[in-house]
Amino acid sequence: IGTPAVTARGLKEEDMKVIVDMIDRI
């Protein structure tokens, strides 16, 4: 998993927690 695609779209550290929650639920 890499972060460039989401950081290039303006997401920040707090958004990564939301993404991790999504991955964890799956």
mmCIF file of all heavy atoms, coordinates in Angstrom:
data_MODEL
# 
_entry.id   MODEL 
# 
loop_
_atom_site.group_PDB 
_atom_site.id 
_atom_site.type_symbol 
_atom_site.label_atom_id 
_atom_site.label_alt_id 
_atom_site.label_comp_id 
_atom_site.label_asym_id 
_atom_site.label_entity_id 
_atom_site.label_seq_id 
_atom_site.pdbx_PDB_ins_code 
_atom_site.Cartn_x 
_atom_site.Cartn_y 
_atom_site.Cartn_z 
_atom_site.occupancy 
_atom_site.B_iso_or_equiv 
_atom_site.pdbx_formal_charge 
_atom_site.auth_seq_id 
_atom_site.auth_comp_id 
_atom_site.auth_asym_id 
_atom_site.auth_atom_id 
_atom_site.pdbx_PDB_model_num 
ATOM 1   N N   . ILE A 1 1  ? 0.861   -1.179 0.000  1.00 0.00 ? 1  ILE A N   1 
ATOM 2   C CA  . ILE A 1 1  ? 0.000   0.000  0.000  1.00 0.00 ? 1  ILE A CA  1 
ATOM 3   C C   . ILE A 1 1  ? 0.898   1.229  0.000  1.00 0.00 ? 1  ILE A C   1 
ATOM 4   O O   . ILE A 1 1  ? 1.899   1.277  0.708  1.00 0.00 ? 1  ILE A O   1 
ATOM 5   C CB  . ILE A 1 1  ? -0.915  0.018  1.243  1.00 0.00 ? 1  ILE A CB  1 
ATOM 6   C CG1 . ILE A 1 1  ? -1.852  -1.190 1.214  1.00 0.00 ? 1  ILE A CG1 1 
ATOM 7   C CG2 . ILE A 1 1  ? -1.710  1.305  1.321  1.00 0.00 ? 1  ILE A CG2 1 
ATOM 8   C CD1 . ILE A 1 1  ? -2.747  -1.303 2.415  1.00 0.00 ? 1  ILE A CD1 1 
ATOM 9   N N   . GLY A 1 2  ? 0.529   2.215  -0.788 1.00 0.00 ? 2  GLY A N   1 
ATOM 10  C CA  . GLY A 1 2  ? 1.298   3.455  -0.838 1.00 0.00 ? 2  GLY A CA  1 
ATOM 11  C C   . GLY A 1 2  ? 0.407   4.659  -0.608 1.00 0.00 ? 2  GLY A C   1 
ATOM 12  O O   . GLY A 1 2  ? -0.797  4.610  -0.832 1.00 0.00 ? 2  GLY A O   1 
ATOM 13  N N   . THR A 1 3  ? 1.020   5.742  -0.172 1.00 0.00 ? 3  THR A N   1 
ATOM 14  C CA  . THR A 1 3  ? 0.253   6.948  0.121  1.00 0.00 ? 3  THR A CA  1 
ATOM 15  C C   . THR A 1 3  ? 0.268   8.012  -0.968 1.00 0.00 ? 3  THR A C   1 
ATOM 16  O O   . THR A 1 3  ? -0.539  8.940  -0.899 1.00 0.00 ? 3  THR A O   1 
ATOM 17  C CB  . THR A 1 3  ? 0.736   7.589  1.432  1.00 0.00 ? 3  THR A CB  1 
ATOM 18  O OG1 . THR A 1 3  ? 2.125   7.906  1.299  1.00 0.00 ? 3  THR A OG1 1 
ATOM 19  C CG2 . THR A 1 3  ? 0.519   6.651  2.606  1.00 0.00 ? 3  THR A CG2 1 
ATOM 20  N N   . PRO A 1 4  ? 1.135   7.955  -2.000 1.00 0.00 ? 4  PRO A N   1 
ATOM 21  C CA  . PRO A 1 4  ? 1.177   9.053  -2.970 1.00 0.00 ? 4  PRO A CA  1 
ATOM 22  C C   . PRO A 1 4  ? -0.158  9.360  -3.645 1.00 0.00 ? 4  PRO A C   1 
ATOM 23  O O   . PRO A 1 4  ? -0.476  10.522 -3.871 1.00 0.00 ? 4  PRO A O   1 
ATOM 24  C CB  . PRO A 1 4  ? 2.218   8.594  -3.996 1.00 0.00 ? 4  PRO A CB  1 
ATOM 25  C CG  . PRO A 1 4  ? 3.130   7.721  -3.226 1.00 0.00 ? 4  PRO A CG  1 
ATOM 26  C CD  . PRO A 1 4  ? 2.230   7.000  -2.250 1.00 0.00 ? 4  PRO A CD  1 
ATOM 27  N N   . ALA A 1 5  ? -0.943  8.348  -3.952 1.00 0.00 ? 5  ALA A N   1 
ATOM 28  C CA  . ALA A 1 5  ? -2.211  8.595  -4.643 1.00 0.00 ? 5  ALA A CA  1 
ATOM 29  C C   . ALA A 1 5  ? -3.177  9.419  -3.797 1.00 0.00 ? 5  ALA A C   1 
ATOM 30  O O   . ALA A 1 5  ? -3.914  10.250 -4.326 1.00 0.00 ? 5  ALA A O   1 
ATOM 31  C CB  . ALA A 1 5  ? -2.867  7.280  -5.050 1.00 0.00 ? 5  ALA A CB  1 
ATOM 32  N N   . VAL A 1 6  ? -3.164  9.207  -2.487 1.00 0.00 ? 6  VAL A N   1 
ATOM 33  C CA  . VAL A 1 6  ? -4.091  9.965  -1.640 1.00 0.00 ? 6  VAL A CA  1 
ATOM 34  C C   . VAL A 1 6  ? -3.517  11.316 -1.228 1.00 0.00 ? 6  VAL A C   1 
ATOM 35  O O   . VAL A 1 6  ? -4.254  12.297 -1.132 1.00 0.00 ? 6  VAL A O   1 
ATOM 36  C CB  . VAL A 1 6  ? -4.569  9.156  -0.417 1.00 0.00 ? 6  VAL A CB  1 
ATOM 37  C CG1 . VAL A 1 6  ? -5.430  7.996  -0.850 1.00 0.00 ? 6  VAL A CG1 1 
ATOM 38  C CG2 . VAL A 1 6  ? -3.428  8.684  0.436  1.00 0.00 ? 6  VAL A CG2 1 
ATOM 39  N N   . THR A 1 7  ? -2.213  11.381 -0.992 1.00 0.00 ? 7  THR A N   1 
ATOM 40  C CA  . THR A 1 7  ? -1.633  12.678 -0.629 1.00 0.00 ? 7  THR A CA  1 
ATOM 41  C C   . THR A 1 7  ? -1.654  13.640 -1.815 1.00 0.00 ? 7  THR A C   1 
ATOM 42  O O   . THR A 1 7  ? -1.839  14.842 -1.627 1.00 0.00 ? 7  THR A O   1 
ATOM 43  C CB  . THR A 1 7  ? -0.200  12.539 -0.083 1.00 0.00 ? 7  THR A CB  1 
ATOM 44  O OG1 . THR A 1 7  ? 0.623   11.890 -1.049 1.00 0.00 ? 7  THR A OG1 1 
ATOM 45  C CG2 . THR A 1 7  ? -0.188  11.762 1.218  1.00 0.00 ? 7  THR A CG2 1 
ATOM 46  N N   . ALA A 1 8  ? -1.502  13.108 -3.022 1.00 0.00 ? 8  ALA A N   1 
ATOM 47  C CA  . ALA A 1 8  ? -1.578  13.961 -4.218 1.00 0.00 ? 8  ALA A CA  1 
ATOM 48  C C   . ALA A 1 8  ? -2.981  14.534 -4.390 1.00 0.00 ? 8  ALA A C   1 
ATOM 49  O O   . ALA A 1 8  ? -3.157  15.570 -5.032 1.00 0.00 ? 8  ALA A O   1 
ATOM 50  C CB  . ALA A 1 8  ? -1.180  13.170 -5.466 1.00 0.00 ? 8  ALA A CB  1 
ATOM 51  N N   . ARG A 1 9  ? -3.961  13.875 -3.780 1.00 0.00 ? 9  ARG A N   1 
ATOM 52  C CA  . ARG A 1 9  ? -5.339  14.350 -3.866 1.00 0.00 ? 9  ARG A CA  1 
ATOM 53  C C   . ARG A 1 9  ? -5.730  15.186 -2.647 1.00 0.00 ? 9  ARG A C   1 
ATOM 54  O O   . ARG A 1 9  ? -6.893  15.529 -2.460 1.00 0.00 ? 9  ARG A O   1 
ATOM 55  C CB  . ARG A 1 9  ? -6.271  13.158 -4.044 1.00 0.00 ? 9  ARG A CB  1 
ATOM 56  C CG  . ARG A 1 9  ? -6.032  12.486 -5.401 1.00 0.00 ? 9  ARG A CG  1 
ATOM 57  C CD  . ARG A 1 9  ? -6.745  11.172 -5.550 1.00 0.00 ? 9  ARG A CD  1 
ATOM 58  N NE  . ARG A 1 9  ? -8.144  11.357 -5.890 1.00 0.00 ? 9  ARG A NE  1 
ATOM 59  C CZ  . ARG A 1 9  ? -8.949  10.353 -6.235 1.00 0.00 ? 9  ARG A CZ  1 
ATOM 60  N NH1 . ARG A 1 9  ? -8.486  9.119  -6.279 1.00 0.00 ? 9  ARG A NH1 1 
ATOM 61  N NH2 . ARG A 1 9  ? -10.200 10.592 -6.520 1.00 0.00 ? 9  ARG A NH2 1 
ATOM 62  N N   . GLY A 1 10 ? -4.737  15.505 -1.794 1.00 0.00 ? 10 GLY A N   1 
ATOM 63  C CA  . GLY A 1 10 ? -4.975  16.434 -0.701 1.00 0.00 ? 10 GLY A CA  1 
ATOM 64  C C   . GLY A 1 10 ? -5.309  15.828 0.641  1.00 0.00 ? 10 GLY A C   1 
ATOM 65  O O   . GLY A 1 10 ? -5.605  16.559 1.588  1.00 0.00 ? 10 GLY A O   1 
ATOM 66  N N   . LEU A 1 11 ? -5.272  14.514 0.782  1.00 0.00 ? 11 LEU A N   1 
ATOM 67  C CA  . LEU A 1 11 ? -5.577  13.915 2.072  1.00 0.00 ? 11 LEU A CA  1 
ATOM 68  C C   . LEU A 1 11 ? -4.398  14.078 3.025  1.00 0.00 ? 11 LEU A C   1 
ATOM 69  O O   . LEU A 1 11 ? -3.252  14.142 2.611  1.00 0.00 ? 11 LEU A O   1 
ATOM 70  C CB  . LEU A 1 11 ? -5.945  12.446 1.910  1.00 0.00 ? 11 LEU A CB  1 
ATOM 71  C CG  . LEU A 1 11 ? -7.419  12.220 1.524  1.00 0.00 ? 11 LEU A CG  1 
ATOM 72  C CD1 . LEU A 1 11 ? -7.663  12.573 0.094  1.00 0.00 ? 11 LEU A CD1 1 
ATOM 73  C CD2 . LEU A 1 11 ? -7.836  10.812 1.803  1.00 0.00 ? 11 LEU A CD2 1 
ATOM 74  N N   . LYS A 1 12 ? -4.706  14.142 4.300  1.00 0.00 ? 12 LYS A N   1 
ATOM 75  C CA  . LYS A 1 12 ? -3.730  14.379 5.365  1.00 0.00 ? 12 LYS A CA  1 
ATOM 76  C C   . LYS A 1 12 ? -3.712  13.198 6.336  1.00 0.00 ? 12 LYS A C   1 
ATOM 77  O O   . LYS A 1 12 ? -4.439  12.226 6.159  1.00 0.00 ? 12 LYS A O   1 
ATOM 78  C CB  . LYS A 1 12 ? -4.076  15.670 6.126  1.00 0.00 ? 12 LYS A CB  1 
ATOM 79  C CG  . LYS A 1 12 ? -4.166  16.898 5.247  1.00 0.00 ? 12 LYS A CG  1 
ATOM 80  C CD  . LYS A 1 12 ? -2.817  17.306 4.739  1.00 0.00 ? 12 LYS A CD  1 
ATOM 81  C CE  . LYS A 1 12 ? -2.930  18.594 3.918  1.00 0.00 ? 12 LYS A CE  1 
ATOM 82  N NZ  . LYS A 1 12 ? -1.800  18.834 3.090  1.00 0.00 ? 12 LYS A NZ  1 
ATOM 83  N N   . GLU A 1 13 ? -2.902  13.339 7.403  1.00 0.00 ? 13 GLU A N   1 
ATOM 84  C CA  . GLU A 1 13 ? -2.727  12.272 8.368  1.00 0.00 ? 13 GLU A CA  1 
ATOM 85  C C   . GLU A 1 13 ? -4.048  11.799 8.971  1.00 0.00 ? 13 GLU A C   1 
ATOM 86  O O   . GLU A 1 13 ? -4.278  10.599 9.124  1.00 0.00 ? 13 GLU A O   1 
ATOM 87  C CB  . GLU A 1 13 ? -1.777  12.701 9.500  1.00 0.00 ? 13 GLU A CB  1 
ATOM 88  C CG  . GLU A 1 13 ? -0.338  12.844 9.073  1.00 0.00 ? 13 GLU A CG  1 
ATOM 89  C CD  . GLU A 1 13 ? -0.011  14.194 8.440  1.00 0.00 ? 13 GLU A CD  1 
ATOM 90  O OE1 . GLU A 1 13 ? -0.896  15.079 8.331  1.00 0.00 ? 13 GLU A OE1 1 
ATOM 91  O OE2 . GLU A 1 13 ? 1.149   14.371 8.034  1.00 0.00 ? 13 GLU A OE2 1 
ATOM 92  N N   . GLU A 1 14 ? -4.923  12.724 9.315  1.00 0.00 ? 14 GLU A N   1 
ATOM 93  C CA  . GLU A 1 14 ? -6.200  12.332 9.926  1.00 0.00 ? 14 GLU A CA  1 
ATOM 94  C C   . GLU A 1 14 ? -7.065  11.518 8.959  1.00 0.00 ? 14 GLU A C   1 
ATOM 95  O O   . GLU A 1 14 ? -7.856  10.674 9.382  1.00 0.00 ? 14 GLU A O   1 
ATOM 96  C CB  . GLU A 1 14 ? -6.961  13.541 10.460 1.00 0.00 ? 14 GLU A CB  1 
ATOM 97  C CG  . GLU A 1 14 ? -7.314  14.587 9.430  1.00 0.00 ? 14 GLU A CG  1 
ATOM 98  C CD  . GLU A 1 14 ? -6.260  15.671 9.206  1.00 0.00 ? 14 GLU A CD  1 
ATOM 99  O OE1 . GLU A 1 14 ? -5.118  15.544 9.695  1.00 0.00 ? 14 GLU A OE1 1 
ATOM 100 O OE2 . GLU A 1 14 ? -6.581  16.648 8.527  1.00 0.00 ? 14 GLU A OE2 1 
ATOM 101 N N   . ASP A 1 15 ? -6.899  11.759 7.664  1.00 0.00 ? 15 ASP A N   1 
ATOM 102 C CA  . ASP A 1 15 ? -7.638  10.981 6.668  1.00 0.00 ? 15 ASP A CA  1 
ATOM 103 C C   . ASP A 1 15 ? -7.122  9.548  6.590  1.00 0.00 ? 15 ASP A C   1 
ATOM 104 O O   . ASP A 1 15 ? -7.874  8.628  6.273  1.00 0.00 ? 15 ASP A O   1 
ATOM 105 C CB  . ASP A 1 15 ? -7.530  11.641 5.289  1.00 0.00 ? 15 ASP A CB  1 
ATOM 106 C CG  . ASP A 1 15 ? -8.115  13.043 5.275  1.00 0.00 ? 15 ASP A CG  1 
ATOM 107 O OD1 . ASP A 1 15 ? -9.273  13.208 5.714  1.00 0.00 ? 15 ASP A OD1 1 
ATOM 108 O OD2 . ASP A 1 15 ? -7.415  13.967 4.823  1.00 0.00 ? 15 ASP A OD2 1 
ATOM 109 N N   . MET A 1 16 ? -5.838  9.368  6.879  1.00 0.00 ? 16 MET A N   1 
ATOM 110 C CA  . MET A 1 16 ? -5.251  8.029  6.825  1.00 0.00 ? 16 MET A CA  1 
ATOM 111 C C   . MET A 1 16 ? -5.895  7.118  7.871  1.00 0.00 ? 16 MET A C   1 
ATOM 112 O O   . MET A 1 16 ? -6.060  5.925  7.650  1.00 0.00 ? 16 MET A O   1 
ATOM 113 C CB  . MET A 1 16 ? -3.739  8.071  7.030  1.00 0.00 ? 16 MET A CB  1 
ATOM 114 C CG  . MET A 1 16 ? -2.992  8.887  6.001  1.00 0.00 ? 16 MET A CG  1 
ATOM 115 S SD  . MET A 1 16 ? -3.386  8.392  4.309  1.00 0.00 ? 16 MET A SD  1 
ATOM 116 C CE  . MET A 1 16 ? -2.729  9.806  3.438  1.00 0.00 ? 16 MET A CE  1 
ATOM 117 N N   . LYS A 1 17 ? -6.275  7.682  9.003  1.00 0.00 ? 17 LYS A N   1 
ATOM 118 C CA  . LYS A 1 17 ? -6.953  6.885  10.033 1.00 0.00 ? 17 LYS A CA  1 
ATOM 119 C C   . LYS A 1 17 ? -8.283  6.359  9.507  1.00 0.00 ? 17 LYS A C   1 
ATOM 120 O O   . LYS A 1 17 ? -8.661  5.221  9.790  1.00 0.00 ? 17 LYS A O   1 
ATOM 121 C CB  . LYS A 1 17 ? -7.161  7.712  11.293 1.00 0.00 ? 17 LYS A CB  1 
ATOM 122 C CG  . LYS A 1 17 ? -5.871  8.082  11.981 1.00 0.00 ? 17 LYS A CG  1 
ATOM 123 C CD  . LYS A 1 17 ? -6.104  8.960  13.181 1.00 0.00 ? 17 LYS A CD  1 
ATOM 124 C CE  . LYS A 1 17 ? -4.764  9.348  13.813 1.00 0.00 ? 17 LYS A CE  1 
ATOM 125 N NZ  . LYS A 1 17 ? -4.945  10.166 15.011 1.00 0.00 ? 17 LYS A NZ  1 
ATOM 126 N N   . VAL A 1 18 ? -8.985  7.166  8.736  1.00 0.00 ? 18 VAL A N   1 
ATOM 127 C CA  . VAL A 1 18 ? -10.259 6.750  8.139  1.00 0.00 ? 18 VAL A CA  1 
ATOM 128 C C   . VAL A 1 18 ? -10.013 5.640  7.119  1.00 0.00 ? 18 VAL A C   1 
ATOM 129 O O   . VAL A 1 18 ? -10.734 4.643  7.079  1.00 0.00 ? 18 VAL A O   1 
ATOM 130 C CB  . VAL A 1 18 ? -10.975 7.955  7.482  1.00 0.00 ? 18 VAL A CB  1 
ATOM 131 C CG1 . VAL A 1 18 ? -12.224 7.520  6.753  1.00 0.00 ? 18 VAL A CG1 1 
ATOM 132 C CG2 . VAL A 1 18 ? -11.288 9.022  8.517  1.00 0.00 ? 18 VAL A CG2 1 
ATOM 133 N N   . ILE A 1 19 ? -8.965  5.803  6.313  1.00 0.00 ? 19 ILE A N   1 
ATOM 134 C CA  . ILE A 1 19 ? -8.635  4.788  5.305  1.00 0.00 ? 19 ILE A CA  1 
ATOM 135 C C   . ILE A 1 19 ? -8.242  3.476  5.984  1.00 0.00 ? 19 ILE A C   1 
ATOM 136 O O   . ILE A 1 19 ? -8.666  2.396  5.551  1.00 0.00 ? 19 ILE A O   1 
ATOM 137 C CB  . ILE A 1 19 ? -7.529  5.304  4.365  1.00 0.00 ? 19 ILE A CB  1 
ATOM 138 C CG1 . ILE A 1 19 ? -8.062  6.479  3.534  1.00 0.00 ? 19 ILE A CG1 1 
ATOM 139 C CG2 . ILE A 1 19 ? -7.016  4.179  3.461  1.00 0.00 ? 19 ILE A CG2 1 
ATOM 140 C CD1 . ILE A 1 19 ? -6.997  7.230  2.757  1.00 0.00 ? 19 ILE A CD1 1 
ATOM 141 N N   . VAL A 1 20 ? -7.461  3.556  7.054  1.00 0.00 ? 20 VAL A N   1 
ATOM 142 C CA  . VAL A 1 20 ? -7.083  2.344  7.783  1.00 0.00 ? 20 VAL A CA  1 
ATOM 143 C C   . VAL A 1 20 ? -8.329  1.658  8.332  1.00 0.00 ? 20 VAL A C   1 
ATOM 144 O O   . VAL A 1 20 ? -8.441  0.431  8.285  1.00 0.00 ? 20 VAL A O   1 
ATOM 145 C CB  . VAL A 1 20 ? -6.074  2.662  8.911  1.00 0.00 ? 20 VAL A CB  1 
ATOM 146 C CG1 . VAL A 1 20 ? -5.929  1.488  9.876  1.00 0.00 ? 20 VAL A CG1 1 
ATOM 147 C CG2 . VAL A 1 20 ? -4.731  3.031  8.311  1.00 0.00 ? 20 VAL A CG2 1 
ATOM 148 N N   . ASP A 1 21 ? -9.275  2.428  8.841  1.00 0.00 ? 21 ASP A N   1 
ATOM 149 C CA  . ASP A 1 21 ? -10.520 1.839  9.339  1.00 0.00 ? 21 ASP A CA  1 
ATOM 150 C C   . ASP A 1 21 ? -11.242 1.098  8.215  1.00 0.00 ? 21 ASP A C   1 
ATOM 151 O O   . ASP A 1 21 ? -11.757 -0.001 8.420  1.00 0.00 ? 21 ASP A O   1 
ATOM 152 C CB  . ASP A 1 21 ? -11.425 2.919  9.935  1.00 0.00 ? 21 ASP A CB  1 
ATOM 153 C CG  . ASP A 1 21 ? -12.719 2.331  10.451 1.00 0.00 ? 21 ASP A CG  1 
ATOM 154 O OD1 . ASP A 1 21 ? -12.665 1.537  11.424 1.00 0.00 ? 21 ASP A OD1 1 
ATOM 155 O OD2 . ASP A 1 21 ? -13.786 2.624  9.868  1.00 0.00 ? 21 ASP A OD2 1 
ATOM 156 N N   . MET A 1 22 ? -11.266 1.681  7.030  1.00 0.00 ? 22 MET A N   1 
ATOM 157 C CA  . MET A 1 22 ? -11.915 1.026  5.886  1.00 0.00 ? 22 MET A CA  1 
ATOM 158 C C   . MET A 1 22 ? -11.217 -0.291 5.548  1.00 0.00 ? 22 MET A C   1 
ATOM 159 O O   . MET A 1 22 ? -11.875 -1.317 5.349  1.00 0.00 ? 22 MET A O   1 
ATOM 160 C CB  . MET A 1 22 ? -11.899 1.949  4.673  1.00 0.00 ? 22 MET A CB  1 
ATOM 161 C CG  . MET A 1 22 ? -12.748 3.178  4.808  1.00 0.00 ? 22 MET A CG  1 
ATOM 162 S SD  . MET A 1 22 ? -12.490 4.237  3.356  1.00 0.00 ? 22 MET A SD  1 
ATOM 163 C CE  . MET A 1 22 ? -13.410 5.685  3.811  1.00 0.00 ? 22 MET A CE  1 
ATOM 164 N N   . ILE A 1 23 ? -9.892  -0.258 5.492  1.00 0.00 ? 23 ILE A N   1 
ATOM 165 C CA  . ILE A 1 23 ? -9.120  -1.471 5.191  1.00 0.00 ? 23 ILE A CA  1 
ATOM 166 C C   . ILE A 1 23 ? -9.360  -2.525 6.260  1.00 0.00 ? 23 ILE A C   1 
ATOM 167 O O   . ILE A 1 23 ? -9.589  -3.703 5.963  1.00 0.00 ? 23 ILE A O   1 
ATOM 168 C CB  . ILE A 1 23 ? -7.622  -1.137 5.050  1.00 0.00 ? 23 ILE A CB  1 
ATOM 169 C CG1 . ILE A 1 23 ? -7.388  -0.281 3.803  1.00 0.00 ? 23 ILE A CG1 1 
ATOM 170 C CG2 . ILE A 1 23 ? -6.784  -2.408 5.001  1.00 0.00 ? 23 ILE A CG2 1 
ATOM 171 C CD1 . ILE A 1 23 ? -5.995  0.317  3.695  1.00 0.00 ? 23 ILE A CD1 1 
ATOM 172 N N   . ASP A 1 24 ? -9.333  -2.116 7.514  1.00 0.00 ? 24 ASP A N   1 
ATOM 173 C CA  . ASP A 1 24 ? -9.545  -3.038 8.629  1.00 0.00 ? 24 ASP A CA  1 
ATOM 174 C C   . ASP A 1 24 ? -10.921 -3.687 8.567  1.00 0.00 ? 24 ASP A C   1 
ATOM 175 O O   . ASP A 1 24 ? -11.067 -4.887 8.799  1.00 0.00 ? 24 ASP A O   1 
ATOM 176 C CB  . ASP A 1 24 ? -9.354  -2.304 9.959  1.00 0.00 ? 24 ASP A CB  1 
ATOM 177 C CG  . ASP A 1 24 ? -9.477  -3.236 11.145 1.00 0.00 ? 24 ASP A CG  1 
ATOM 178 O OD1 . ASP A 1 24 ? -8.772  -4.265 11.177 1.00 0.00 ? 24 ASP A OD1 1 
ATOM 179 O OD2 . ASP A 1 24 ? -10.287 -2.937 12.050 1.00 0.00 ? 24 ASP A OD2 1 
ATOM 180 N N   . ARG A 1 25 ? -11.940 -2.907 8.244  1.00 0.00 ? 25 ARG A N   1 
ATOM 181 C CA  . ARG A 1 25 ? -13.292 -3.480 8.144  1.00 0.00 ? 25 ARG A CA  1 
ATOM 182 C C   . ARG A 1 25 ? -13.367 -4.527 7.051  1.00 0.00 ? 25 ARG A C   1 
ATOM 183 O O   . ARG A 1 25 ? -14.040 -5.544 7.204  1.00 0.00 ? 25 ARG A O   1 
ATOM 184 C CB  . ARG A 1 25 ? -14.329 -2.387 7.919  1.00 0.00 ? 25 ARG A CB  1 
ATOM 185 C CG  . ARG A 1 25 ? -14.637 -1.650 9.213  1.00 0.00 ? 25 ARG A CG  1 
ATOM 186 C CD  . ARG A 1 25 ? -15.793 -0.719 9.078  1.00 0.00 ? 25 ARG A CD  1 
ATOM 187 N NE  . ARG A 1 25 ? -15.360 0.456  8.322  1.00 0.00 ? 25 ARG A NE  1 
ATOM 188 C CZ  . ARG A 1 25 ? -16.135 1.154  7.506  1.00 0.00 ? 25 ARG A CZ  1 
ATOM 189 N NH1 . ARG A 1 25 ? -17.392 0.828  7.333  1.00 0.00 ? 25 ARG A NH1 1 
ATOM 190 N NH2 . ARG A 1 25 ? -15.666 2.204  6.882  1.00 0.00 ? 25 ARG A NH2 1 
ATOM 191 N N   . ILE A 1 26 ? -12.667 -4.296 5.944  1.00 0.00 ? 26 ILE A N   1 
ATOM 192 C CA  . ILE A 1 26 ? -12.669 -5.290 4.872  1.00 0.00 ? 26 ILE A CA  1 
ATOM 193 C C   . ILE A 1 26 ? -11.915 -6.546 5.307  1.00 0.00 ? 26 ILE A C   1 
ATOM 194 O O   . ILE A 1 26 ? -12.397 -7.668 5.125  1.00 0.00 ? 26 ILE A O   1 
ATOM 195 C CB  . ILE A 1 26 ? -12.094 -4.695 3.576  1.00 0.00 ? 26 ILE A CB  1 
ATOM 196 C CG1 . ILE A 1 26 ? -13.091 -3.673 3.008  1.00 0.00 ? 26 ILE A CG1 1 
ATOM 197 C CG2 . ILE A 1 26 ? -11.800 -5.790 2.546  1.00 0.00 ? 26 ILE A CG2 1 
ATOM 198 C CD1 . ILE A 1 26 ? -12.587 -2.885 1.839  1.00 0.00 ? 26 ILE A CD1 1 
# 
